[in-house]
PDB file of all heavy atoms in Angstrom:
ATOM      1  N   ASN A   1     -21.245  76.041 226.575  1.00  0.00           N
ATOM      2  CA  ASN A   1     -20.895  74.638 226.803  1.00  0.00           C
ATOM      3  C   ASN A   1     -21.438  73.703 225.726  1.00  0.00           C
ATOM      4  O   ASN A   1     -20.858  72.646 225.461  1.00  0.00           O
ATOM      5  CB  ASN A   1     -21.392  74.200 228.189  1.00  0.00           C
ATOM      6  CG  ASN A   1     -20.613  74.864 229.316  1.00  0.00           C
ATOM      7  OD1 ASN A   1     -19.393  74.978 229.239  1.00  0.00           O
ATOM      8  ND2 ASN A   1     -21.309  75.338 230.344  1.00  0.00           N
ATOM      9  N   LEU A   2     -22.551  74.093 225.093  1.00  0.00           N
ATOM     10  CA  LEU A   2     -23.076  73.304 223.977  1.00  0.00           C
ATOM     11  C   LEU A   2     -22.176  73.436 222.744  1.00  0.00           C
ATOM     12  O   LEU A   2     -21.858  72.447 222.075  1.00  0.00           O
ATOM     13  CB  LEU A   2     -24.489  73.775 223.618  1.00  0.00           C
ATOM     14  CG  LEU A   2     -25.643  73.381 224.541  1.00  0.00           C
ATOM     15  CD1 LEU A   2     -26.907  74.128 224.126  1.00  0.00           C
ATOM     16  CD2 LEU A   2     -25.889  71.881 224.489  1.00  0.00           C
ATOM     17  N   VAL A   3     -21.772  74.657 222.467  1.00  0.00           N
ATOM     18  CA  VAL A   3     -21.054  74.943 221.225  1.00  0.00           C
ATOM     19  C   VAL A   3     -19.560  74.642 221.340  1.00  0.00           C
ATOM     20  O   VAL A   3     -18.904  74.300 220.358  1.00  0.00           O
ATOM     21  CB  VAL A   3     -21.297  76.424 220.821  1.00  0.00           C
ATOM     22  CG1 VAL A   3     -20.445  76.821 219.626  1.00  0.00           C
ATOM     23  CG2 VAL A   3     -22.777  76.637 220.499  1.00  0.00           C
ATOM     24  N   LYS A   4     -19.023  74.792 222.555  1.00  0.00           N
ATOM     25  CA  LYS A   4     -17.597  74.512 222.825  1.00  0.00           C
ATOM     26  C   LYS A   4     -16.665  75.203 221.824  1.00  0.00           C
ATOM     27  O   LYS A   4     -15.884  74.552 221.120  1.00  0.00           O
ATOM     28  CB  LYS A   4     -17.348  72.999 222.813  1.00  0.00           C
ATOM     29  CG  LYS A   4     -18.088  72.261 223.931  1.00  0.00           C
ATOM     30  CD  LYS A   4     -17.897  70.768 223.851  1.00  0.00           C
ATOM     31  CE  LYS A   4     -18.717  70.172 222.742  1.00  0.00           C
ATOM     32  NZ  LYS A   4     -18.848  68.701 222.794  1.00  0.00           N
ATOM     33  N   PRO A   5     -16.756  76.518 221.733  1.00  0.00           N
ATOM     34  CA  PRO A   5     -15.962  77.223 220.718  1.00  0.00           C
ATOM     35  C   PRO A   5     -14.493  77.358 221.114  1.00  0.00           C
ATOM     36  O   PRO A   5     -14.153  77.372 222.302  1.00  0.00           O
ATOM     37  CB  PRO A   5     -16.629  78.598 220.672  1.00  0.00           C
ATOM     38  CG  PRO A   5     -17.107  78.807 222.078  1.00  0.00           C
ATOM     39  CD  PRO A   5     -17.564  77.449 222.552  1.00  0.00           C
ATOM     40  N   LYS A   6     -13.646  77.493 220.108  1.00  0.00           N
ATOM     41  CA  LYS A   6     -12.239  77.771 220.361  1.00  0.00           C
ATOM     42  C   LYS A   6     -12.063  79.225 220.761  1.00  0.00           C
ATOM     43  O   LYS A   6     -11.274  79.545 221.646  1.00  0.00           O
ATOM     44  CB  LYS A   6     -11.411  77.462 219.113  1.00  0.00           C
ATOM     45  CG  LYS A   6      -9.909  77.608 219.311  1.00  0.00           C
ATOM     46  CD  LYS A   6      -9.150  77.180 218.065  1.00  0.00           C
ATOM     47  CE  LYS A   6      -7.633  77.297 218.274  1.00  0.00           C
ATOM     48  NZ  LYS A   6      -6.876  76.886 217.072  1.00  0.00           N
ATOM     49  N   TYR A   7     -12.818  80.128 220.099  1.00  0.00           N
ATOM     50  CA  TYR A   7     -12.781  81.555 220.402  1.00  0.00           C
ATOM     51  C   TYR A   7     -14.190  82.022 220.758  1.00  0.00           C
ATOM     52  O   TYR A   7     -15.187  81.459 220.291  1.00  0.00           O
ATOM     53  CB  TYR A   7     -12.259  82.367 219.220  1.00  0.00           C
ATOM     54  CG  TYR A   7     -10.799  82.117 218.906  1.00  0.00           C
ATOM     55  CD1 TYR A   7     -10.419  81.140 217.991  1.00  0.00           C
ATOM     56  CD2 TYR A   7      -9.801  82.865 219.531  1.00  0.00           C
ATOM     57  CE1 TYR A   7      -9.080  80.910 217.703  1.00  0.00           C
ATOM     58  CE2 TYR A   7      -8.464  82.641 219.242  1.00  0.00           C
ATOM     59  CZ  TYR A   7      -8.110  81.656 218.337  1.00  0.00           C
ATOM     60  OH  TYR A   7      -6.786  81.435 218.060  1.00  0.00           O
ATOM     61  N   PHE A   8     -14.233  83.081 221.555  1.00  0.00           N
ATOM     62  CA  PHE A   8     -15.533  83.620 221.970  1.00  0.00           C
ATOM     63  C   PHE A   8     -15.558  85.125 221.735  1.00  0.00           C
ATOM     64  O   PHE A   8     -14.616  85.845 222.095  1.00  0.00           O
ATOM     65  CB  PHE A   8     -15.797  83.337 223.446  1.00  0.00           C
ATOM     66  CG  PHE A   8     -17.108  83.893 223.934  1.00  0.00           C
ATOM     67  CD1 PHE A   8     -18.300  83.232 223.657  1.00  0.00           C
ATOM     68  CD2 PHE A   8     -17.158  85.088 224.650  1.00  0.00           C
ATOM     69  CE1 PHE A   8     -19.513  83.756 224.080  1.00  0.00           C
ATOM     70  CE2 PHE A   8     -18.358  85.612 225.074  1.00  0.00           C
ATOM     71  CZ  PHE A   8     -19.545  84.937 224.788  1.00  0.00           C
ATOM     72  N   ILE A   9     -16.663  85.607 221.117  1.00  0.00           N
ATOM     73  CA  ILE A   9     -16.839  87.039 220.844  1.00  0.00           C
ATOM     74  C   ILE A   9     -18.222  87.458 221.336  1.00  0.00           C
ATOM     75  O   ILE A   9     -19.241  87.043 220.773  1.00  0.00           O
ATOM     76  CB  ILE A   9     -16.716  87.339 219.339  1.00  0.00           C
ATOM     77  CG1 ILE A   9     -15.367  86.838 218.801  1.00  0.00           C
ATOM     78  CG2 ILE A   9     -16.879  88.843 219.081  1.00  0.00           C
ATOM     79  CD1 ILE A   9     -15.260  86.913 217.288  1.00  0.00           C
ATOM     80  N   PRO A  10     -18.315  88.264 222.409  1.00  0.00           N
ATOM     81  CA  PRO A  10     -19.624  88.754 222.855  1.00  0.00           C
ATOM     82  C   PRO A  10     -20.148  89.822 221.896  1.00  0.00           C
ATOM     83  O   PRO A  10     -19.399  90.701 221.455  1.00  0.00           O
ATOM     84  CB  PRO A  10     -19.329  89.345 224.238  1.00  0.00           C
ATOM     85  CG  PRO A  10     -17.881  89.725 224.191  1.00  0.00           C
ATOM     86  CD  PRO A  10     -17.211  88.760 223.251  1.00  0.00           C
ATOM     87  N   ILE A  11     -21.431  89.765 221.569  1.00  0.00           N
ATOM     88  CA  ILE A  11     -22.049  90.736 220.659  1.00  0.00           C
ATOM     89  C   ILE A  11     -23.378  91.204 221.254  1.00  0.00           C
ATOM     90  O   ILE A  11     -23.864  90.655 222.245  1.00  0.00           O
ATOM     91  CB  ILE A  11     -22.275  90.151 219.244  1.00  0.00           C
ATOM     92  CG1 ILE A  11     -23.206  88.924 219.305  1.00  0.00           C
ATOM     93  CG2 ILE A  11     -20.950  89.789 218.594  1.00  0.00           C
ATOM     94  CD1 ILE A  11     -23.634  88.403 217.940  1.00  0.00           C
ATOM     95  N   HIS A  12     -23.974  92.207 220.635  1.00  0.00           N
ATOM     96  CA  HIS A  12     -25.306  92.725 220.992  1.00  0.00           C
ATOM     97  C   HIS A  12     -25.376  93.180 222.449  1.00  0.00           C
ATOM     98  O   HIS A  12     -25.756  92.423 223.331  1.00  0.00           O
ATOM     99  CB  HIS A  12     -26.398  91.678 220.747  1.00  0.00           C
ATOM    100  CG  HIS A  12     -26.518  91.236 219.340  1.00  0.00           C
ATOM    101  ND1 HIS A  12     -27.349  90.213 218.960  1.00  0.00           N
ATOM    102  CD2 HIS A  12     -25.889  91.640 218.215  1.00  0.00           C
ATOM    103  CE1 HIS A  12     -27.233  90.020 217.664  1.00  0.00           C
ATOM    104  NE2 HIS A  12     -26.347  90.887 217.189  1.00  0.00           N
ATOM    105  N   GLY A  13     -25.043  94.416 222.693  1.00  0.00           N
ATOM    106  CA  GLY A  13     -25.167  94.939 224.046  1.00  0.00           C
ATOM    107  C   GLY A  13     -24.286  96.152 224.255  1.00  0.00           C
ATOM    108  O   GLY A  13     -23.396  96.456 223.452  1.00  0.00           O
ATOM    109  N   GLU A  14     -24.542  96.854 225.343  1.00  0.00           N
ATOM    110  CA  GLU A  14     -23.683  97.956 225.732  1.00  0.00           C
ATOM    111  C   GLU A  14     -22.336  97.402 226.194  1.00  0.00           C
ATOM    112  O   GLU A  14     -22.196  96.199 226.436  1.00  0.00           O
ATOM    113  CB  GLU A  14     -24.355  98.781 226.826  1.00  0.00           C
ATOM    114  CG  GLU A  14     -25.645  99.455 226.361  1.00  0.00           C
ATOM    115  CD  GLU A  14     -26.320 100.272 227.451  1.00  0.00           C
ATOM    116  OE1 GLU A  14     -25.701 100.446 228.528  1.00  0.00           O
ATOM    117  OE2 GLU A  14     -27.453 100.723 227.235  1.00  0.00           O
ATOM    118  N   TYR A  15     -21.357  98.293 226.319  1.00  0.00           N
ATOM    119  CA  TYR A  15     -19.988  97.815 226.561  1.00  0.00           C
ATOM    120  C   TYR A  15     -19.898  96.980 227.840  1.00  0.00           C
ATOM    121  O   TYR A  15     -19.206  95.970 227.881  1.00  0.00           O
ATOM    122  CB  TYR A  15     -19.017  99.000 226.634  1.00  0.00           C
ATOM    123  CG  TYR A  15     -17.571  98.553 226.642  1.00  0.00           C
ATOM    124  CD1 TYR A  15     -16.982  98.044 225.492  1.00  0.00           C
ATOM    125  CD2 TYR A  15     -16.809  98.611 227.809  1.00  0.00           C
ATOM    126  CE1 TYR A  15     -15.670  97.608 225.491  1.00  0.00           C
ATOM    127  CE2 TYR A  15     -15.501  98.180 227.814  1.00  0.00           C
ATOM    128  CZ  TYR A  15     -14.930  97.687 226.658  1.00  0.00           C
ATOM    129  OH  TYR A  15     -13.634  97.244 226.670  1.00  0.00           O
ATOM    130  N   ARG A  16     -20.607  97.379 228.892  1.00  0.00           N
ATOM    131  CA  ARG A  16     -20.544  96.612 230.138  1.00  0.00           C
ATOM    132  C   ARG A  16     -21.098  95.203 229.945  1.00  0.00           C
ATOM    133  O   ARG A  16     -20.595  94.248 230.548  1.00  0.00           O
ATOM    134  CB  ARG A  16     -21.285  97.341 231.252  1.00  0.00           C
ATOM    135  CG  ARG A  16     -22.807  97.367 231.109  1.00  0.00           C
ATOM    136  CD  ARG A  16     -23.438  98.105 232.280  1.00  0.00           C
ATOM    137  NE  ARG A  16     -24.887  97.968 232.298  1.00  0.00           N
ATOM    138  CZ  ARG A  16     -25.712  98.727 231.599  1.00  0.00           C
ATOM    139  NH1 ARG A  16     -25.227  99.664 230.799  1.00  0.00           N
ATOM    140  NH2 ARG A  16     -27.025  98.553 231.678  1.00  0.00           N
ATOM    141  N   HIS A  17     -22.129  95.054 229.093  1.00  0.00           N
ATOM    142  CA  HIS A  17     -22.679  93.729 228.821  1.00  0.00           C
ATOM    143  C   HIS A  17     -21.631  92.849 228.130  1.00  0.00           C
ATOM    144  O   HIS A  17     -21.499  91.661 228.449  1.00  0.00           O
ATOM    145  CB  HIS A  17     -23.924  93.835 227.930  1.00  0.00           C
ATOM    146  CG  HIS A  17     -25.012  94.662 228.517  1.00  0.00           C
ATOM    147  ND1 HIS A  17     -25.771  95.536 227.768  1.00  0.00           N
ATOM    148  CD2 HIS A  17     -25.473  94.770 229.788  1.00  0.00           C
ATOM    149  CE1 HIS A  17     -26.659  96.129 228.544  1.00  0.00           C
ATOM    150  NE2 HIS A  17     -26.492  95.684 229.769  1.00  0.00           N
ATOM    151  N   LEU A  18     -20.896  93.435 227.182  1.00  0.00           N
ATOM    152  CA  LEU A  18     -19.878  92.674 226.456  1.00  0.00           C
ATOM    153  C   LEU A  18     -18.771  92.214 227.402  1.00  0.00           C
ATOM    154  O   LEU A  18     -18.312  91.063 227.337  1.00  0.00           O
ATOM    155  CB  LEU A  18     -19.289  93.520 225.324  1.00  0.00           C
ATOM    156  CG  LEU A  18     -20.272  94.128 224.309  1.00  0.00           C
ATOM    157  CD1 LEU A  18     -19.510  94.928 223.254  1.00  0.00           C
ATOM    158  CD2 LEU A  18     -21.110  93.042 223.635  1.00  0.00           C
ATOM    159  N   VAL A  19     -18.338  93.101 228.304  1.00  0.00           N
ATOM    160  CA  VAL A  19     -17.268  92.761 229.245  1.00  0.00           C
ATOM    161  C   VAL A  19     -17.716  91.671 230.206  1.00  0.00           C
ATOM    162  O   VAL A  19     -16.985  90.702 230.461  1.00  0.00           O
ATOM    163  CB  VAL A  19     -16.817  94.023 230.019  1.00  0.00           C
ATOM    164  CG1 VAL A  19     -15.864  93.653 231.150  1.00  0.00           C
ATOM    165  CG2 VAL A  19     -16.155  95.019 229.077  1.00  0.00           C
ATOM    166  N   ILE A  20     -18.919  91.808 230.731  1.00  0.00           N
ATOM    167  CA  ILE A  20     -19.433  90.809 231.680  1.00  0.00           C
ATOM    168  C   ILE A  20     -19.583  89.453 230.993  1.00  0.00           C
ATOM    169  O   ILE A  20     -19.257  88.406 231.569  1.00  0.00           O
ATOM    170  CB  ILE A  20     -20.778  91.281 232.267  1.00  0.00           C
ATOM    171  CG1 ILE A  20     -20.545  92.491 233.182  1.00  0.00           C
ATOM    172  CG2 ILE A  20     -21.475  90.156 233.027  1.00  0.00           C
ATOM    173  CD1 ILE A  20     -21.813  93.201 233.607  1.00  0.00           C
ATOM    174  N   HIS A  21     -20.062  89.453 229.752  1.00  0.00           N
ATOM    175  CA  HIS A  21     -20.210  88.206 229.002  1.00  0.00           C
ATOM    176  C   HIS A  21     -18.836  87.586 228.717  1.00  0.00           C
ATOM    177  O   HIS A  21     -18.668  86.365 228.781  1.00  0.00           O
ATOM    178  CB  HIS A  21     -20.965  88.479 227.700  1.00  0.00           C
ATOM    179  CG  HIS A  21     -21.592  87.268 227.103  1.00  0.00           C
ATOM    180  ND1 HIS A  21     -22.313  87.306 225.935  1.00  0.00           N
ATOM    181  CD2 HIS A  21     -21.596  85.965 227.484  1.00  0.00           C
ATOM    182  CE1 HIS A  21     -22.748  86.104 225.640  1.00  0.00           C
ATOM    183  NE2 HIS A  21     -22.316  85.262 226.554  1.00  0.00           N
ATOM    184  N   ALA A  22     -17.858  88.426 228.407  1.00  0.00           N
ATOM    185  CA  ALA A  22     -16.503  87.936 228.162  1.00  0.00           C
ATOM    186  C   ALA A  22     -15.944  87.258 229.413  1.00  0.00           C
ATOM    187  O   ALA A  22     -15.331  86.170 229.338  1.00  0.00           O
ATOM    188  CB  ALA A  22     -15.602  89.086 227.733  1.00  0.00           C
ATOM    189  N   ARG A  23     -16.155  87.869 230.569  1.00  0.00           N
ATOM    190  CA  ARG A  23     -15.690  87.266 231.832  1.00  0.00           C
ATOM    191  C   ARG A  23     -16.403  85.952 232.110  1.00  0.00           C
ATOM    192  O   ARG A  23     -15.799  84.992 232.627  1.00  0.00           O
ATOM    193  CB  ARG A  23     -15.919  88.250 232.984  1.00  0.00           C
ATOM    194  CG  ARG A  23     -15.040  89.491 232.909  1.00  0.00           C
ATOM    195  CD  ARG A  23     -15.447  90.501 233.965  1.00  0.00           C
ATOM    196  NE  ARG A  23     -14.626  91.721 233.896  1.00  0.00           N
ATOM    197  CZ  ARG A  23     -14.895  92.838 234.558  1.00  0.00           C
ATOM    198  NH1 ARG A  23     -15.975  92.890 235.350  1.00  0.00           N
ATOM    199  NH2 ARG A  23     -14.116  93.888 234.443  1.00  0.00           N
ATOM    200  N   LEU A  24     -17.682  85.904 231.762  1.00  0.00           N
ATOM    201  CA  LEU A  24     -18.448  84.666 231.950  1.00  0.00           C
ATOM    202  C   LEU A  24     -17.864  83.546 231.099  1.00  0.00           C
ATOM    203  O   LEU A  24     -17.758  82.395 231.555  1.00  0.00           O
ATOM    204  CB  LEU A  24     -19.908  84.923 231.577  1.00  0.00           C
ATOM    205  CG  LEU A  24     -20.911  83.799 231.854  1.00  0.00           C
ATOM    206  CD1 LEU A  24     -21.079  83.603 233.347  1.00  0.00           C
ATOM    207  CD2 LEU A  24     -22.248  84.112 231.217  1.00  0.00           C
ATOM    208  N   ALA A  25     -17.473  83.866 229.869  1.00  0.00           N
ATOM    209  CA  ALA A  25     -16.871  82.863 228.982  1.00  0.00           C
ATOM    210  C   ALA A  25     -15.555  82.356 229.546  1.00  0.00           C
ATOM    211  O   ALA A  25     -15.248  81.145 229.461  1.00  0.00           O
ATOM    212  CB  ALA A  25     -16.663  83.465 227.595  1.00  0.00           C
ATOM    213  N   GLU A  26     -14.767  83.250 230.137  1.00  0.00           N
ATOM    214  CA  GLU A  26     -13.506  82.820 230.749  1.00  0.00           C
ATOM    215  C   GLU A  26     -13.756  81.826 231.877  1.00  0.00           C
ATOM    216  O   GLU A  26     -13.035  80.834 232.030  1.00  0.00           O
ATOM    217  CB  GLU A  26     -12.744  84.037 231.274  1.00  0.00           C
ATOM    218  CG  GLU A  26     -12.185  84.948 230.187  1.00  0.00           C
ATOM    219  CD  GLU A  26     -11.512  86.176 230.768  1.00  0.00           C
ATOM    220  OE1 GLU A  26     -11.031  86.105 231.922  1.00  0.00           O
ATOM    221  OE2 GLU A  26     -11.474  87.210 230.076  1.00  0.00           O
ATOM    222  N   LYS A  27     -14.803  82.081 232.671  1.00  0.00           N
ATOM    223  CA  LYS A  27     -15.133  81.174 233.772  1.00  0.00           C
ATOM    224  C   LYS A  27     -15.612  79.816 233.266  1.00  0.00           C
ATOM    225  O   LYS A  27     -15.581  78.830 234.013  1.00  0.00           O
ATOM    226  CB  LYS A  27     -16.202  81.806 234.659  1.00  0.00           C
ATOM    227  CG  LYS A  27     -15.694  83.006 235.457  1.00  0.00           C
ATOM    228  CD  LYS A  27     -16.788  83.592 236.329  1.00  0.00           C
ATOM    229  CE  LYS A  27     -16.267  84.793 237.121  1.00  0.00           C
ATOM    230  NZ  LYS A  27     -17.332  85.410 237.954  1.00  0.00           N
ATOM    231  N   GLN A  28     -16.070  79.777 232.008  1.00  0.00           N
ATOM    232  CA  GLN A  28     -16.499  78.504 231.422  1.00  0.00           C
ATOM    233  C   GLN A  28     -15.326  77.754 230.778  1.00  0.00           C
ATOM    234  O   GLN A  28     -15.536  76.740 230.113  1.00  0.00           O
ATOM    235  CB  GLN A  28     -17.598  78.733 230.388  1.00  0.00           C
ATOM    236  CG  GLN A  28     -18.854  79.369 230.935  1.00  0.00           C
ATOM    237  CD  GLN A  28     -19.372  78.680 232.179  1.00  0.00           C
ATOM    238  OE1 GLN A  28     -19.703  77.492 232.146  1.00  0.00           O
ATOM    239  NE2 GLN A  28     -19.423  79.411 233.298  1.00  0.00           N
ATOM    240  N   GLY A  29     -14.124  78.253 230.968  1.00  0.00           N
ATOM    241  CA  GLY A  29     -12.951  77.521 230.516  1.00  0.00           C
ATOM    242  C   GLY A  29     -12.312  78.007 229.232  1.00  0.00           C
ATOM    243  O   GLY A  29     -11.342  77.399 228.757  1.00  0.00           O
ATOM    244  N   ILE A  30     -12.822  79.088 228.646  1.00  0.00           N
ATOM    245  CA  ILE A  30     -12.196  79.613 227.432  1.00  0.00           C
ATOM    246  C   ILE A  30     -11.035  80.526 227.854  1.00  0.00           C
ATOM    247  O   ILE A  30     -11.238  81.480 228.604  1.00  0.00           O
ATOM    248  CB  ILE A  30     -13.209  80.392 226.573  1.00  0.00           C
ATOM    249  CG1 ILE A  30     -14.364  79.476 226.155  1.00  0.00           C
ATOM    250  CG2 ILE A  30     -12.533  80.983 225.339  1.00  0.00           C
ATOM    251  CD1 ILE A  30     -15.437  80.145 225.337  1.00  0.00           C
ATOM    252  N   PRO A  31      -9.812  80.246 227.411  1.00  0.00           N
ATOM    253  CA  PRO A  31      -8.658  81.052 227.826  1.00  0.00           C
ATOM    254  C   PRO A  31      -8.854  82.529 227.479  1.00  0.00           C
ATOM    255  O   PRO A  31      -9.475  82.864 226.469  1.00  0.00           O
ATOM    256  CB  PRO A  31      -7.498  80.447 227.027  1.00  0.00           C
ATOM    257  CG  PRO A  31      -7.944  79.070 226.683  1.00  0.00           C
ATOM    258  CD  PRO A  31      -9.427  79.151 226.514  1.00  0.00           C
ATOM    259  N   ARG A  32      -8.311  83.401 228.333  1.00  0.00           N
ATOM    260  CA  ARG A  32      -8.509  84.832 228.161  1.00  0.00           C
ATOM    261  C   ARG A  32      -8.053  85.315 226.789  1.00  0.00           C
ATOM    262  O   ARG A  32      -8.710  86.166 226.182  1.00  0.00           O
ATOM    263  CB  ARG A  32      -7.765  85.593 229.258  1.00  0.00           C
ATOM    264  CG  ARG A  32      -7.859  87.116 229.130  1.00  0.00           C
ATOM    265  CD  ARG A  32      -7.322  87.824 230.348  1.00  0.00           C
ATOM    266  NE  ARG A  32      -8.136  87.541 231.521  1.00  0.00           N
ATOM    267  CZ  ARG A  32      -7.927  88.112 232.717  1.00  0.00           C
ATOM    268  NH1 ARG A  32      -6.944  88.989 232.871  1.00  0.00           N
ATOM    269  NH2 ARG A  32      -8.694  87.806 233.750  1.00  0.00           N
ATOM    270  N   HIS A  33      -6.936  84.787 226.270  1.00  0.00           N
ATOM    271  CA  HIS A  33      -6.428  85.272 224.987  1.00  0.00           C
ATOM    272  C   HIS A  33      -7.304  84.833 223.817  1.00  0.00           C
ATOM    273  O   HIS A  33      -7.106  85.287 222.694  1.00  0.00           O
ATOM    274  CB  HIS A  33      -4.978  84.804 224.769  1.00  0.00           C
ATOM    275  CG  HIS A  33      -4.835  83.332 224.559  1.00  0.00           C
ATOM    276  ND1 HIS A  33      -4.812  82.417 225.615  1.00  0.00           N
ATOM    277  CD2 HIS A  33      -4.716  82.588 223.422  1.00  0.00           C
ATOM    278  CE1 HIS A  33      -4.673  81.195 225.134  1.00  0.00           C
ATOM    279  NE2 HIS A  33      -4.616  81.260 223.814  1.00  0.00           N
ATOM    280  N   ARG A  34      -8.274  83.942 224.088  1.00  0.00           N
ATOM    281  CA  ARG A  34      -9.213  83.514 223.047  1.00  0.00           C
ATOM    282  C   ARG A  34     -10.585  84.161 223.197  1.00  0.00           C
ATOM    283  O   ARG A  34     -11.528  83.792 222.491  1.00  0.00           O
ATOM    284  CB  ARG A  34      -9.347  81.994 223.049  1.00  0.00           C
ATOM    285  CG  ARG A  34      -8.082  81.279 222.589  1.00  0.00           C
ATOM    286  CD  ARG A  34      -8.295  79.792 222.547  1.00  0.00           C
ATOM    287  NE  ARG A  34      -7.069  79.093 222.132  1.00  0.00           N
ATOM    288  CZ  ARG A  34      -6.916  77.762 222.121  1.00  0.00           C
ATOM    289  NH1 ARG A  34      -7.930  76.997 222.519  1.00  0.00           N
ATOM    290  NH2 ARG A  34      -5.783  77.221 221.737  1.00  0.00           N
ATOM    291  N   VAL A  35     -10.703  85.068 224.126  1.00  0.00           N
ATOM    292  CA  VAL A  35     -11.941  85.843 224.281  1.00  0.00           C
ATOM    293  C   VAL A  35     -11.685  87.221 223.681  1.00  0.00           C
ATOM    294  O   VAL A  35     -10.881  87.995 224.198  1.00  0.00           O
ATOM    295  CB  VAL A  35     -12.354  85.951 225.760  1.00  0.00           C
ATOM    296  CG1 VAL A  35     -13.594  86.834 225.896  1.00  0.00           C
ATOM    297  CG2 VAL A  35     -12.618  84.568 226.345  1.00  0.00           C
ATOM    298  N   LEU A  36     -12.356  87.509 222.581  1.00  0.00           N
ATOM    299  CA  LEU A  36     -12.112  88.744 221.837  1.00  0.00           C
ATOM    300  C   LEU A  36     -13.245  89.735 222.089  1.00  0.00           C
ATOM    301  O   LEU A  36     -14.338  89.602 221.540  1.00  0.00           O
ATOM    302  CB  LEU A  36     -11.995  88.439 220.340  1.00  0.00           C
ATOM    303  CG  LEU A  36     -10.953  87.377 219.959  1.00  0.00           C
ATOM    304  CD1 LEU A  36     -11.006  87.088 218.463  1.00  0.00           C
ATOM    305  CD2 LEU A  36      -9.561  87.808 220.369  1.00  0.00           C
ATOM    306  N   ALA A  37     -12.992  90.683 222.974  1.00  0.00           N
ATOM    307  CA  ALA A  37     -14.000  91.710 223.290  1.00  0.00           C
ATOM    308  C   ALA A  37     -13.853  92.843 222.285  1.00  0.00           C
ATOM    309  O   ALA A  37     -13.095  93.794 222.498  1.00  0.00           O
ATOM    310  CB  ALA A  37     -13.825  92.206 224.718  1.00  0.00           C
ATOM    311  N   ALA A  38     -14.552  92.734 221.184  1.00  0.00           N
ATOM    312  CA  ALA A  38     -14.427  93.693 220.087  1.00  0.00           C
ATOM    313  C   ALA A  38     -15.423  94.837 220.246  1.00  0.00           C
ATOM    314  O   ALA A  38     -16.397  94.752 221.003  1.00  0.00           O
ATOM    315  CB  ALA A  38     -14.650  92.990 218.757  1.00  0.00           C
ATOM    316  N   GLU A  39     -15.153  95.916 219.513  1.00  0.00           N
ATOM    317  CA  GLU A  39     -16.067  97.049 219.433  1.00  0.00           C
ATOM    318  C   GLU A  39     -16.354  97.351 217.971  1.00  0.00           C
ATOM    319  O   GLU A  39     -15.710  96.806 217.068  1.00  0.00           O
ATOM    320  CB  GLU A  39     -15.458  98.270 220.126  1.00  0.00           C
ATOM    321  CG  GLU A  39     -15.244  98.087 221.608  1.00  0.00           C
ATOM    322  CD  GLU A  39     -14.759  99.364 222.282  1.00  0.00           C
ATOM    323  OE1 GLU A  39     -15.572 100.316 222.403  1.00  0.00           O
ATOM    324  OE2 GLU A  39     -13.584  99.424 222.672  1.00  0.00           O
ATOM    325  N   ASN A  40     -17.313  98.236 217.749  1.00  0.00           N
ATOM    326  CA  ASN A  40     -17.668  98.597 216.372  1.00  0.00           C
ATOM    327  C   ASN A  40     -16.429  99.056 215.596  1.00  0.00           C
ATOM    328  O   ASN A  40     -15.645  99.865 216.085  1.00  0.00           O
ATOM    329  CB  ASN A  40     -18.705  99.720 216.365  1.00  0.00           C
ATOM    330  CG  ASN A  40     -20.058  99.258 216.861  1.00  0.00           C
ATOM    331  OD1 ASN A  40     -20.368  98.074 216.836  1.00  0.00           O
ATOM    332  ND2 ASN A  40     -20.883 100.192 217.300  1.00  0.00           N
ATOM    333  N   GLY A  41     -16.282  98.519 214.394  1.00  0.00           N
ATOM    334  CA  GLY A  41     -15.176  98.909 213.542  1.00  0.00           C
ATOM    335  C   GLY A  41     -13.940  98.050 213.669  1.00  0.00           C
ATOM    336  O   GLY A  41     -13.065  98.085 212.790  1.00  0.00           O
ATOM    337  N   ASN A  42     -13.832  97.276 214.761  1.00  0.00           N
ATOM    338  CA  ASN A  42     -12.688  96.374 214.893  1.00  0.00           C
ATOM    339  C   ASN A  42     -12.716  95.309 213.806  1.00  0.00           C
ATOM    340  O   ASN A  42     -13.780  94.755 213.501  1.00  0.00           O
ATOM    341  CB  ASN A  42     -12.689  95.688 216.252  1.00  0.00           C
ATOM    342  CG  ASN A  42     -12.293  96.601 217.400  1.00  0.00           C
ATOM    343  OD1 ASN A  42     -12.491  96.262 218.543  1.00  0.00           O
ATOM    344  ND2 ASN A  42     -11.736  97.771 217.104  1.00  0.00           N
ATOM    345  N   VAL A  43     -11.567  94.998 213.236  1.00  0.00           N
ATOM    346  CA  VAL A  43     -11.454  93.940 212.238  1.00  0.00           C
ATOM    347  C   VAL A  43     -10.938  92.684 212.944  1.00  0.00           C
ATOM    348  O   VAL A  43      -9.792  92.642 213.400  1.00  0.00           O
ATOM    349  CB  VAL A  43     -10.493  94.334 211.099  1.00  0.00           C
ATOM    350  CG1 VAL A  43     -10.413  93.219 210.062  1.00  0.00           C
ATOM    351  CG2 VAL A  43     -10.952  95.634 210.445  1.00  0.00           C
ATOM    352  N   ILE A  44     -11.811  91.684 213.062  1.00  0.00           N
ATOM    353  CA  ILE A  44     -11.450  90.431 213.719  1.00  0.00           C
ATOM    354  C   ILE A  44     -11.011  89.452 212.630  1.00  0.00           C
ATOM    355  O   ILE A  44     -11.805  89.099 211.755  1.00  0.00           O
ATOM    356  CB  ILE A  44     -12.643  89.863 214.505  1.00  0.00           C
ATOM    357  CG1 ILE A  44     -13.229  90.937 215.433  1.00  0.00           C
ATOM    358  CG2 ILE A  44     -12.225  88.637 215.307  1.00  0.00           C
ATOM    359  CD1 ILE A  44     -14.586  90.587 216.007  1.00  0.00           C
ATOM    360  N   CYS A  45      -9.753  89.052 212.673  1.00  0.00           N
ATOM    361  CA  CYS A  45      -9.172  88.230 211.609  1.00  0.00           C
ATOM    362  C   CYS A  45      -8.954  86.792 212.080  1.00  0.00           C
ATOM    363  O   CYS A  45      -8.450  86.570 213.186  1.00  0.00           O
ATOM    364  CB  CYS A  45      -7.842  88.820 211.154  1.00  0.00           C
ATOM    365  SG  CYS A  45      -7.962  90.505 210.524  1.00  0.00           S
ATOM    366  N   PHE A  46      -9.334  85.851 211.227  1.00  0.00           N
ATOM    367  CA  PHE A  46      -9.111  84.431 211.493  1.00  0.00           C
ATOM    368  C   PHE A  46      -8.303  83.843 210.338  1.00  0.00           C
ATOM    369  O   PHE A  46      -8.655  84.029 209.171  1.00  0.00           O
ATOM    370  CB  PHE A  46     -10.429  83.668 211.595  1.00  0.00           C
ATOM    371  CG  PHE A  46     -11.290  84.046 212.768  1.00  0.00           C
ATOM    372  CD1 PHE A  46     -12.175  85.111 212.684  1.00  0.00           C
ATOM    373  CD2 PHE A  46     -11.229  83.333 213.954  1.00  0.00           C
ATOM    374  CE1 PHE A  46     -12.971  85.461 213.760  1.00  0.00           C
ATOM    375  CE2 PHE A  46     -12.017  83.667 215.036  1.00  0.00           C
ATOM    376  CZ  PHE A  46     -12.898  84.737 214.940  1.00  0.00           C
TER     377      PHE A  46
END
């Protein structure tokens, strides 16, 4: 809520931590298609 990002990417954690954090971001109003749950090796392009 401080940063108010357009996109959200959870980092640092096991896969379940990333998923739970991603869901938390959605509940804070970030649209699902703007929450990028990436894994090692994924190329995130902007």
